[in-house]
Amino acid sequence: TEQALINTLAADNAELQALNQKIKDLCNDLDQTTATIK
C-alpha cells in the first residue's frame, strides 16, 4: 500500500512539474508578446 502511494505521488508530482513548466513557457511567451506590443 505504501509503495502504491509512493508511485501515485511520484506520478502526480511529475505531472505537476510538467504543468508548471508549461505555465512557465506560456508566461515567457506572454512576456515576449507584451514586450513586442510595448
Full PDB file with SEQRES, HELIX, SHEET, SSBOND, CRYST1, ORIGX, SCALE, CONECT and MASTER records, all heavy atoms in Angstrom:
SEQRES   1 A   38  THR GLU GLN ALA LEU ILE ASN THR LEU ALA ALA ASP ASN          
SEQRES   2 A   38  ALA GLU LEU GLN ALA LEU ASN GLN LYS ILE LYS ASP LEU          
SEQRES   3 A   38  CYS ASN ASP LEU ASP GLN THR THR ALA THR ILE LYS              
HELIX    1 AA1 GLU A    2  ILE A   37  1                                  36    
CRYST1    1.000    1.000    1.000  90.00  90.00  90.00 P 1           1          
ORIGX1      1.000000  0.000000  0.000000        0.00000                         
ORIGX2      0.000000  1.000000  0.000000        0.00000                         
ORIGX3      0.000000  0.000000  1.000000        0.00000                         
SCALE1      1.000000  0.000000  0.000000        0.00000                         
SCALE2      0.000000  1.000000  0.000000        0.00000                         
SCALE3      0.000000  0.000000  1.000000        0.00000                         
ATOM      1  N   THR A   1       0.834  -1.200   0.000  1.00  0.00           N  
ATOM      2  CA  THR A   1       0.000   0.000   0.000  1.00  0.00           C  
ATOM      3  C   THR A   1       0.867   1.248   0.000  1.00  0.00           C  
ATOM      4  O   THR A   1       0.603   2.199  -0.744  1.00  0.00           O  
ATOM      5  CB  THR A   1      -0.945   0.000   1.225  1.00  0.00           C  
ATOM      6  OG1 THR A   1      -1.741  -1.192   1.190  1.00  0.00           O  
ATOM      7  CG2 THR A   1      -1.846   1.214   1.228  1.00  0.00           C  
ATOM      8  N   GLU A   2       1.904   1.236   0.827  1.00  0.00           N  
ATOM      9  CA  GLU A   2       2.823   2.386   0.866  1.00  0.00           C  
ATOM     10  C   GLU A   2       3.511   2.575  -0.471  1.00  0.00           C  
ATOM     11  O   GLU A   2       3.646   3.701  -0.951  1.00  0.00           O  
ATOM     12  CB  GLU A   2       3.870   2.188   1.971  1.00  0.00           C  
ATOM     13  CG  GLU A   2       3.323   2.339   3.370  1.00  0.00           C  
ATOM     14  CD  GLU A   2       4.337   1.978   4.458  1.00  0.00           C  
ATOM     15  OE1 GLU A   2       5.358   1.323   4.143  1.00  0.00           O  
ATOM     16  OE2 GLU A   2       4.092   2.349   5.614  1.00  0.00           O  
ATOM     17  N   GLN A   3       3.943   1.469  -1.096  1.00  0.00           N  
ATOM     18  CA  GLN A   3       4.629   1.564  -2.386  1.00  0.00           C  
ATOM     19  C   GLN A   3       3.687   2.097  -3.458  1.00  0.00           C  
ATOM     20  O   GLN A   3       4.076   2.922  -4.280  1.00  0.00           O  
ATOM     21  CB  GLN A   3       5.203   0.208  -2.804  1.00  0.00           C  
ATOM     22  CG  GLN A   3       6.109   0.292  -4.016  1.00  0.00           C  
ATOM     23  CD  GLN A   3       7.301   1.210  -3.794  1.00  0.00           C  
ATOM     24  OE1 GLN A   3       8.026   1.086  -2.819  1.00  0.00           O  
ATOM     25  NE2 GLN A   3       7.507   2.167  -4.679  1.00  0.00           N  
ATOM     26  N   ALA A   4       2.441   1.645  -3.426  1.00  0.00           N  
ATOM     27  CA  ALA A   4       1.450   2.146  -4.395  1.00  0.00           C  
ATOM     28  C   ALA A   4       1.226   3.639  -4.194  1.00  0.00           C  
ATOM     29  O   ALA A   4       1.125   4.397  -5.163  1.00  0.00           O  
ATOM     30  CB  ALA A   4       0.133   1.380  -4.257  1.00  0.00           C  
ATOM     31  N   LEU A   5       1.173   4.080  -2.942  1.00  0.00           N  
ATOM     32  CA  LEU A   5       1.004   5.502  -2.655  1.00  0.00           C  
ATOM     33  C   LEU A   5       2.214   6.300  -3.135  1.00  0.00           C  
ATOM     34  O   LEU A   5       2.057   7.356  -3.751  1.00  0.00           O  
ATOM     35  CB  LEU A   5       0.794   5.716  -1.152  1.00  0.00           C  
ATOM     36  CG  LEU A   5       0.663   7.161  -0.682  1.00  0.00           C  
ATOM     37  CD1 LEU A   5      -0.529   7.848  -1.342  1.00  0.00           C  
ATOM     38  CD2 LEU A   5       0.528   7.217   0.831  1.00  0.00           C  
ATOM     39  N   ILE A   6       3.389   5.778  -2.899  1.00  0.00           N  
ATOM     40  CA  ILE A   6       4.613   6.452  -3.352  1.00  0.00           C  
ATOM     41  C   ILE A   6       4.606   6.578  -4.881  1.00  0.00           C  
ATOM     42  O   ILE A   6       4.911   7.641  -5.430  1.00  0.00           O  
ATOM     43  CB  ILE A   6       5.865   5.692  -2.864  1.00  0.00           C  
ATOM     44  CG1 ILE A   6       6.025   5.868  -1.356  1.00  0.00           C  
ATOM     45  CG2 ILE A   6       7.120   6.155  -3.598  1.00  0.00           C  
ATOM     46  CD1 ILE A   6       7.037   4.928  -0.726  1.00  0.00           C  
ATOM     47  N   ASN A   7       4.229   5.497  -5.565  1.00  0.00           N  
ATOM     48  CA  ASN A   7       4.191   5.521  -7.031  1.00  0.00           C  
ATOM     49  C   ASN A   7       3.176   6.536  -7.537  1.00  0.00           C  
ATOM     50  O   ASN A   7       3.442   7.272  -8.493  1.00  0.00           O  
ATOM     51  CB  ASN A   7       3.866   4.127  -7.577  1.00  0.00           C  
ATOM     52  CG  ASN A   7       4.978   3.132  -7.334  1.00  0.00           C  
ATOM     53  OD1 ASN A   7       6.106   3.485  -7.024  1.00  0.00           O  
ATOM     54  ND2 ASN A   7       4.651   1.859  -7.442  1.00  0.00           N  
ATOM     55  N   THR A   8       2.012   6.585  -6.892  1.00  0.00           N  
ATOM     56  CA  THR A   8       0.976   7.538  -7.284  1.00  0.00           C  
ATOM     57  C   THR A   8       1.443   8.969  -7.065  1.00  0.00           C  
ATOM     58  O   THR A   8       1.275   9.839  -7.927  1.00  0.00           O  
ATOM     59  CB  THR A   8      -0.325   7.279  -6.496  1.00  0.00           C  
ATOM     60  OG1 THR A   8      -0.782   5.957  -6.800  1.00  0.00           O  
ATOM     61  CG2 THR A   8      -1.403   8.284  -6.846  1.00  0.00           C  
ATOM     62  N   LEU A   9       2.047   9.219  -5.898  1.00  0.00           N  
ATOM     63  CA  LEU A   9       2.536  10.570  -5.601  1.00  0.00           C  
ATOM     64  C   LEU A   9       3.652  10.978  -6.558  1.00  0.00           C  
ATOM     65  O   LEU A   9       3.709  12.136  -6.992  1.00  0.00           O  
ATOM     66  CB  LEU A   9       3.018  10.658  -4.150  1.00  0.00           C  
ATOM     67  CG  LEU A   9       1.930  10.587  -3.078  1.00  0.00           C  
ATOM     68  CD1 LEU A   9       2.555  10.525  -1.688  1.00  0.00           C  
ATOM     69  CD2 LEU A   9       0.978  11.760  -3.188  1.00  0.00           C  
ATOM     70  N   ALA A  10       4.522  10.050  -6.888  1.00  0.00           N  
ATOM     71  CA  ALA A  10       5.604  10.360  -7.829  1.00  0.00           C  
ATOM     72  C   ALA A  10       5.042  10.711  -9.200  1.00  0.00           C  
ATOM     73  O   ALA A  10       5.503  11.664  -9.842  1.00  0.00           O  
ATOM     74  CB  ALA A  10       6.573   9.180  -7.927  1.00  0.00           C  
ATOM     75  N   ALA A  11       4.041   9.960  -9.647  1.00  0.00           N  
ATOM     76  CA  ALA A  11       3.410  10.253 -10.950  1.00  0.00           C  
ATOM     77  C   ALA A  11       2.705  11.601 -10.912  1.00  0.00           C  
ATOM     78  O   ALA A  11       2.800  12.390 -11.853  1.00  0.00           O  
ATOM     79  CB  ALA A  11       2.435   9.143 -11.324  1.00  0.00           C  
ATOM     80  N   ASP A  12       1.985  11.869  -9.814  1.00  0.00           N  
ATOM     81  CA  ASP A  12       1.308  13.161  -9.675  1.00  0.00           C  
ATOM     82  C   ASP A  12       2.312  14.303  -9.652  1.00  0.00           C  
ATOM     83  O   ASP A  12       2.083  15.356 -10.251  1.00  0.00           O  
ATOM     84  CB  ASP A  12       0.464  13.201  -8.395  1.00  0.00           C  
ATOM     85  CG  ASP A  12      -0.771  12.326  -8.467  1.00  0.00           C  
ATOM     86  OD1 ASP A  12      -1.121  11.880  -9.588  1.00  0.00           O  
ATOM     87  OD2 ASP A  12      -1.384  12.075  -7.413  1.00  0.00           O  
ATOM     88  N   ASN A  13       3.435  14.098  -8.976  1.00  0.00           N  
ATOM     89  CA  ASN A  13       4.461  15.135  -8.911  1.00  0.00           C  
ATOM     90  C   ASN A  13       5.065  15.401 -10.281  1.00  0.00           C  
ATOM     91  O   ASN A  13       5.295  16.553 -10.661  1.00  0.00           O  
ATOM     92  CB  ASN A  13       5.552  14.751  -7.913  1.00  0.00           C  
ATOM     93  CG  ASN A  13       6.529  15.865  -7.693  1.00  0.00           C  
ATOM     94  OD1 ASN A  13       6.149  17.008  -7.490  1.00  0.00           O  
ATOM     95  ND2 ASN A  13       7.811  15.547  -7.750  1.00  0.00           N  
ATOM     96  N   ALA A  14       5.298  14.347 -11.041  1.00  0.00           N  
ATOM     97  CA  ALA A  14       5.833  14.524 -12.403  1.00  0.00           C  
ATOM     98  C   ALA A  14       4.846  15.318 -13.262  1.00  0.00           C  
ATOM     99  O   ALA A  14       5.254  16.195 -14.031  1.00  0.00           O  
ATOM    100  CB  ALA A  14       6.114  13.160 -13.040  1.00  0.00           C  
ATOM    101  N   GLU A  15       3.562  15.029 -13.098  1.00  0.00           N  
ATOM    102  CA  GLU A  15       2.543  15.766 -13.849  1.00  0.00           C  
ATOM    103  C   GLU A  15       2.511  17.234 -13.420  1.00  0.00           C  
ATOM    104  O   GLU A  15       2.409  18.134 -14.268  1.00  0.00           O  
ATOM    105  CB  GLU A  15       1.166  15.131 -13.629  1.00  0.00           C  
ATOM    106  CG  GLU A  15       0.075  15.732 -14.480  1.00  0.00           C  
ATOM    107  CD  GLU A  15      -1.261  15.019 -14.308  1.00  0.00           C  
ATOM    108  OE1 GLU A  15      -1.289  13.877 -13.835  1.00  0.00           O  
ATOM    109  OE2 GLU A  15      -2.281  15.633 -14.667  1.00  0.00           O  
ATOM    110  N   LEU A  16       2.624  17.483 -12.128  1.00  0.00           N  
ATOM    111  CA  LEU A  16       2.657  18.868 -11.636  1.00  0.00           C  
ATOM    112  C   LEU A  16       3.867  19.618 -12.182  1.00  0.00           C  
ATOM    113  O   LEU A  16       3.760  20.786 -12.564  1.00  0.00           O  
ATOM    114  CB  LEU A  16       2.675  18.889 -10.105  1.00  0.00           C  
ATOM    115  CG  LEU A  16       1.368  18.550  -9.403  1.00  0.00           C  
ATOM    116  CD1 LEU A  16       1.599  18.429  -7.897  1.00  0.00           C  
ATOM    117  CD2 LEU A  16       0.313  19.596  -9.686  1.00  0.00           C  
ATOM    118  N   GLN A  17       5.005  18.962 -12.208  1.00  0.00           N  
ATOM    119  CA  GLN A  17       6.210  19.603 -12.738  1.00  0.00           C  
ATOM    120  C   GLN A  17       6.046  19.928 -14.216  1.00  0.00           C  
ATOM    121  O   GLN A  17       6.466  20.996 -14.675  1.00  0.00           O  
ATOM    122  CB  GLN A  17       7.431  18.710 -12.500  1.00  0.00           C  
ATOM    123  CG  GLN A  17       7.850  18.652 -11.043  1.00  0.00           C  
ATOM    124  CD  GLN A  17       9.015  17.696 -10.811  1.00  0.00           C  
ATOM    125  OE1 GLN A  17       9.393  16.922 -11.690  1.00  0.00           O  
ATOM    126  NE2 GLN A  17       9.578  17.748  -9.620  1.00  0.00           N  
ATOM    127  N   ALA A  18       5.443  19.017 -14.965  1.00  0.00           N  
ATOM    128  CA  ALA A  18       5.220  19.262 -16.395  1.00  0.00           C  
ATOM    129  C   ALA A  18       4.259  20.431 -16.599  1.00  0.00           C  
ATOM    130  O   ALA A  18       4.491  21.291 -17.463  1.00  0.00           O  
ATOM    131  CB  ALA A  18       4.675  17.996 -17.066  1.00  0.00           C  
ATOM    132  N   LEU A  19       3.192  20.475 -15.797  1.00  0.00           N  
ATOM    133  CA  LEU A  19       2.250  21.600 -15.901  1.00  0.00           C  
ATOM    134  C   LEU A  19       2.914  22.912 -15.500  1.00  0.00           C  
ATOM    135  O   LEU A  19       2.676  23.949 -16.127  1.00  0.00           O  
ATOM    136  CB  LEU A  19       1.028  21.338 -15.019  1.00  0.00           C  
ATOM    137  CG  LEU A  19       0.075  20.258 -15.516  1.00  0.00           C  
ATOM    138  CD1 LEU A  19      -0.967  19.933 -14.454  1.00  0.00           C  
ATOM    139  CD2 LEU A  19      -0.597  20.671 -16.812  1.00  0.00           C  
ATOM    140  N   ASN A  20       3.740  22.871 -14.479  1.00  0.00           N  
ATOM    141  CA  ASN A  20       4.457  24.073 -14.060  1.00  0.00           C  
ATOM    142  C   ASN A  20       5.355  24.580 -15.178  1.00  0.00           C  
ATOM    143  O   ASN A  20       5.402  25.788 -15.452  1.00  0.00           O  
ATOM    144  CB  ASN A  20       5.272  23.783 -12.797  1.00  0.00           C  
ATOM    145  CG  ASN A  20       5.963  25.016 -12.271  1.00  0.00           C  
ATOM    146  OD1 ASN A  20       5.330  26.039 -12.040  1.00  0.00           O  
ATOM    147  ND2 ASN A  20       7.272  24.924 -12.073  1.00  0.00           N  
ATOM    148  N   GLN A  21       6.067  23.672 -15.845  1.00  0.00           N  
ATOM    149  CA  GLN A  21       6.932  24.072 -16.950  1.00  0.00           C  
ATOM    150  C   GLN A  21       6.119  24.652 -18.095  1.00  0.00           C  
ATOM    151  O   GLN A  21       6.512  25.645 -18.704  1.00  0.00           O  
ATOM    152  CB  GLN A  21       7.766  22.876 -17.441  1.00  0.00           C  
ATOM    153  CG  GLN A  21       8.796  23.255 -18.479  1.00  0.00           C  
ATOM    154  CD  GLN A  21       9.800  24.285 -17.955  1.00  0.00           C  
ATOM    155  OE1 GLN A  21      10.378  24.109 -16.890  1.00  0.00           O  
ATOM    156  NE2 GLN A  21       9.998  25.361 -18.693  1.00  0.00           N  
ATOM    157  N   LYS A  22       4.956  24.052 -18.360  1.00  0.00           N  
ATOM    158  CA  LYS A  22       4.088  24.547 -19.434  1.00  0.00           C  
ATOM    159  C   LYS A  22       3.625  25.969 -19.112  1.00  0.00           C  
ATOM    160  O   LYS A  22       3.635  26.846 -19.992  1.00  0.00           O  
ATOM    161  CB  LYS A  22       2.885  23.620 -19.596  1.00  0.00           C  
ATOM    162  CG  LYS A  22       1.971  23.973 -20.735  1.00  0.00           C  
ATOM    163  CD  LYS A  22       0.855  22.936 -20.883  1.00  0.00           C  
ATOM    164  CE  LYS A  22      -0.038  23.253 -22.053  1.00  0.00           C  
ATOM    165  NZ  LYS A  22      -1.095  22.238 -22.222  1.00  0.00           N  
ATOM    166  N   ILE A  23       3.253  26.207 -17.869  1.00  0.00           N  
ATOM    167  CA  ILE A  23       2.822  27.550 -17.455  1.00  0.00           C  
ATOM    168  C   ILE A  23       3.972  28.540 -17.562  1.00  0.00           C  
ATOM    169  O   ILE A  23       3.796  29.665 -18.034  1.00  0.00           O  
ATOM    170  CB  ILE A  23       2.234  27.514 -16.032  1.00  0.00           C  
ATOM    171  CG1 ILE A  23       0.895  26.771 -16.048  1.00  0.00           C  
ATOM    172  CG2 ILE A  23       2.069  28.913 -15.460  1.00  0.00           C  
ATOM    173  CD1 ILE A  23       0.348  26.442 -14.671  1.00  0.00           C  
ATOM    174  N   LYS A  24       5.174  28.115 -17.140  1.00  0.00           N  
ATOM    175  CA  LYS A  24       6.341  28.998 -17.259  1.00  0.00           C  
ATOM    176  C   LYS A  24       6.610  29.350 -18.717  1.00  0.00           C  
ATOM    177  O   LYS A  24       6.888  30.508 -19.038  1.00  0.00           O  
ATOM    178  CB  LYS A  24       7.578  28.328 -16.642  1.00  0.00           C  
ATOM    179  CG  LYS A  24       7.580  28.328 -15.129  1.00  0.00           C  
ATOM    180  CD  LYS A  24       8.737  27.514 -14.577  1.00  0.00           C  
ATOM    181  CE  LYS A  24       9.996  28.329 -14.574  1.00  0.00           C  
ATOM    182  NZ  LYS A  24      11.126  27.610 -13.913  1.00  0.00           N  
ATOM    183  N   ASP A  25       6.502  28.343 -19.608  1.00  0.00           N  
ATOM    184  CA  ASP A  25       6.714  28.588 -21.036  1.00  0.00           C  
ATOM    185  C   ASP A  25       5.672  29.561 -21.578  1.00  0.00           C  
ATOM    186  O   ASP A  25       5.997  30.469 -22.353  1.00  0.00           O  
ATOM    187  CB  ASP A  25       6.674  27.275 -21.823  1.00  0.00           C  
ATOM    188  CG  ASP A  25       7.851  26.357 -21.503  1.00  0.00           C  
ATOM    189  OD1 ASP A  25       8.841  26.832 -20.898  1.00  0.00           O  
ATOM    190  OD2 ASP A  25       7.767  25.159 -21.843  1.00  0.00           O  
ATOM    191  N   LEU A  26       4.415  29.382 -21.174  1.00  0.00           N  
ATOM    192  CA  LEU A  26       3.360  30.284 -21.625  1.00  0.00           C  
ATOM    193  C   LEU A  26       3.592  31.699 -21.097  1.00  0.00           C  
ATOM    194  O   LEU A  26       3.359  32.679 -21.811  1.00  0.00           O  
ATOM    195  CB  LEU A  26       1.989  29.769 -21.178  1.00  0.00           C  
ATOM    196  CG  LEU A  26       1.492  28.501 -21.881  1.00  0.00           C  
ATOM    197  CD1 LEU A  26       0.236  27.972 -21.194  1.00  0.00           C  
ATOM    198  CD2 LEU A  26       1.233  28.769 -23.357  1.00  0.00           C  
ATOM    199  N   CYS A  27       4.060  31.807 -19.854  1.00  0.00           N  
ATOM    200  CA  CYS A  27       4.353  33.133 -19.280  1.00  0.00           C  
ATOM    201  C   CYS A  27       5.494  33.810 -20.038  1.00  0.00           C  
ATOM    202  O   CYS A  27       5.434  35.012 -20.306  1.00  0.00           O  
ATOM    203  CB  CYS A  27       4.694  33.016 -17.803  1.00  0.00           C  
ATOM    204  SG  CYS A  27       3.266  32.669 -16.753  1.00  0.00           S  
ATOM    205  N   ASN A  28       6.514  33.022 -20.393  1.00  0.00           N  
ATOM    206  CA  ASN A  28       7.626  33.589 -21.165  1.00  0.00           C  
ATOM    207  C   ASN A  28       7.143  34.086 -22.518  1.00  0.00           C  
ATOM    208  O   ASN A  28       7.523  35.166 -22.974  1.00  0.00           O  
ATOM    209  CB  ASN A  28       8.744  32.557 -21.343  1.00  0.00           C  
ATOM    210  CG  ASN A  28       9.512  32.307 -20.070  1.00  0.00           C  
ATOM    211  OD1 ASN A  28       9.519  33.140 -19.159  1.00  0.00           O  
ATOM    212  ND2 ASN A  28      10.135  31.149 -19.970  1.00  0.00           N  
ATOM    213  N   ASP A  29       6.279  33.284 -23.165  1.00  0.00           N  
ATOM    214  CA  ASP A  29       5.711  33.708 -24.448  1.00  0.00           C  
ATOM    215  C   ASP A  29       4.896  34.986 -24.266  1.00  0.00           C  
ATOM    216  O   ASP A  29       4.963  35.899 -25.102  1.00  0.00           O  
ATOM    217  CB  ASP A  29       4.817  32.607 -25.039  1.00  0.00           C  
ATOM    218  CG  ASP A  29       5.607  31.405 -25.523  1.00  0.00           C  
ATOM    219  OD1 ASP A  29       6.845  31.502 -25.645  1.00  0.00           O  
ATOM    220  OD2 ASP A  29       4.975  30.348 -25.774  1.00  0.00           O  
ATOM    221  N   LEU A  30       4.129  35.059 -23.195  1.00  0.00           N  
ATOM    222  CA  LEU A  30       3.309  36.236 -22.927  1.00  0.00           C  
ATOM    223  C   LEU A  30       4.198  37.453 -22.644  1.00  0.00           C  
ATOM    224  O   LEU A  30       3.912  38.557 -23.120  1.00  0.00           O  
ATOM    225  CB  LEU A  30       2.376  35.971 -21.735  1.00  0.00           C  
ATOM    226  CG  LEU A  30       1.355  37.049 -21.412  1.00  0.00           C  
ATOM    227  CD1 LEU A  30       0.455  37.325 -22.615  1.00  0.00           C  
ATOM    228  CD2 LEU A  30       0.518  36.630 -20.211  1.00  0.00           C  
ATOM    229  N   ASP A  31       5.289  37.255 -21.894  1.00  0.00           N  
ATOM    230  CA  ASP A  31       6.221  38.358 -21.635  1.00  0.00           C  
ATOM    231  C   ASP A  31       6.831  38.881 -22.932  1.00  0.00           C  
ATOM    232  O   ASP A  31       6.963  40.096 -23.123  1.00  0.00           O  
ATOM    233  CB  ASP A  31       7.345  37.906 -20.683  1.00  0.00           C  
ATOM    234  CG  ASP A  31       6.880  37.730 -19.248  1.00  0.00           C  
ATOM    235  OD1 ASP A  31       5.787  38.225 -18.901  1.00  0.00           O  
ATOM    236  OD2 ASP A  31       7.624  37.083 -18.473  1.00  0.00           O  
ATOM    237  N   GLN A  32       7.193  37.959 -23.829  1.00  0.00           N  
ATOM    238  CA  GLN A  32       7.759  38.372 -25.106  1.00  0.00           C  
ATOM    239  C   GLN A  32       6.718  39.126 -25.936  1.00  0.00           C  
ATOM    240  O   GLN A  32       7.034  40.149 -26.565  1.00  0.00           O  
ATOM    241  CB  GLN A  32       8.269  37.152 -25.878  1.00  0.00           C  
ATOM    242  CG  GLN A  32       9.491  36.510 -25.261  1.00  0.00           C  
ATOM    243  CD  GLN A  32       9.867  35.190 -25.932  1.00  0.00           C  
ATOM    244  OE1 GLN A  32       9.184  34.733 -26.840  1.00  0.00           O  
ATOM    245  NE2 GLN A  32      10.951  34.587 -25.465  1.00  0.00           N  
ATOM    246  N   THR A  33       5.497  38.654 -25.919  1.00  0.00           N  
ATOM    247  CA  THR A  33       4.426  39.333 -26.656  1.00  0.00           C  
ATOM    248  C   THR A  33       4.178  40.715 -26.076  1.00  0.00           C  
ATOM    249  O   THR A  33       4.022  41.692 -26.820  1.00  0.00           O  
ATOM    250  CB  THR A  33       3.133  38.491 -26.602  1.00  0.00           C  
ATOM    251  OG1 THR A  33       3.404  37.200 -27.159  1.00  0.00           O  
ATOM    252  CG2 THR A  33       2.005  39.155 -27.366  1.00  0.00           C  
ATOM    253  N   THR A  34       4.161  40.810 -24.764  1.00  0.00           N  
ATOM    254  CA  THR A  34       3.954  42.098 -24.099  1.00  0.00           C  
ATOM    255  C   THR A  34       5.083  43.071 -24.444  1.00  0.00           C  
ATOM    256  O   THR A  34       4.831  44.257 -24.720  1.00  0.00           O  
ATOM    257  CB  THR A  34       3.879  41.901 -22.567  1.00  0.00           C  
ATOM    258  OG1 THR A  34       2.817  41.000 -22.268  1.00  0.00           O  
ATOM    259  CG2 THR A  34       3.645  43.198 -21.840  1.00  0.00           C  
ATOM    260  N   ALA A  35       6.312  42.586 -24.450  1.00  0.00           N  
ATOM    261  CA  ALA A  35       7.451  43.448 -24.795  1.00  0.00           C  
ATOM    262  C   ALA A  35       7.344  43.926 -26.244  1.00  0.00           C  
ATOM    263  O   ALA A  35       7.614  45.098 -26.547  1.00  0.00           O  
ATOM    264  CB  ALA A  35       8.756  42.689 -24.578  1.00  0.00           C  
ATOM    265  N   THR A  36       6.919  43.043 -27.146  1.00  0.00           N  
ATOM    266  CA  THR A  36       6.754  43.419 -28.553  1.00  0.00           C  
ATOM    267  C   THR A  36       5.670  44.476 -28.697  1.00  0.00           C  
ATOM    268  O   THR A  36       5.846  45.479 -29.414  1.00  0.00           O  
ATOM    269  CB  THR A  36       6.409  42.178 -29.399  1.00  0.00           C  
ATOM    270  OG1 THR A  36       7.460  41.217 -29.262  1.00  0.00           O  
ATOM    271  CG2 THR A  36       6.215  42.532 -30.858  1.00  0.00           C  
ATOM    272  N   ILE A  37       4.549  44.275 -28.010  1.00  0.00           N  
ATOM    273  CA  ILE A  37       3.449  45.251 -28.072  1.00  0.00           C  
ATOM    274  C   ILE A  37       3.915  46.597 -27.510  1.00  0.00           C  
ATOM    275  O   ILE A  37       3.593  47.660 -28.069  1.00  0.00           O  
ATOM    276  CB  ILE A  37       2.213  44.733 -27.315  1.00  0.00           C  
ATOM    277  CG1 ILE A  37       1.609  43.539 -28.067  1.00  0.00           C  
ATOM    278  CG2 ILE A  37       1.175  45.826 -27.112  1.00  0.00           C  
ATOM    279  CD1 ILE A  37       0.528  42.800 -27.294  1.00  0.00           C  
ATOM    280  N   LYS A  38       4.691  46.557 -26.435  1.00  0.00           N  
ATOM    281  CA  LYS A  38       5.190  47.804 -25.855  1.00  0.00           C  
ATOM    282  C   LYS A  38       6.097  48.529 -26.845  1.00  0.00           C  
ATOM    283  O   LYS A  38       5.994  49.756 -27.016  1.00  0.00           O  
ATOM    284  CB  LYS A  38       5.950  47.518 -24.557  1.00  0.00           C  
ATOM    285  CG  LYS A  38       6.438  48.773 -23.879  1.00  0.00           C  
ATOM    286  CD  LYS A  38       7.185  48.473 -22.594  1.00  0.00           C  
ATOM    287  CE  LYS A  38       7.680  49.766 -21.996  1.00  0.00           C  
ATOM    288  NZ  LYS A  38       8.521  49.551 -20.834  1.00  0.00           N  
TER     289      LYS A  38                                                      
MASTER        0    0    0    1    0    0    0    6  288    1    0    3          
END                                                                             
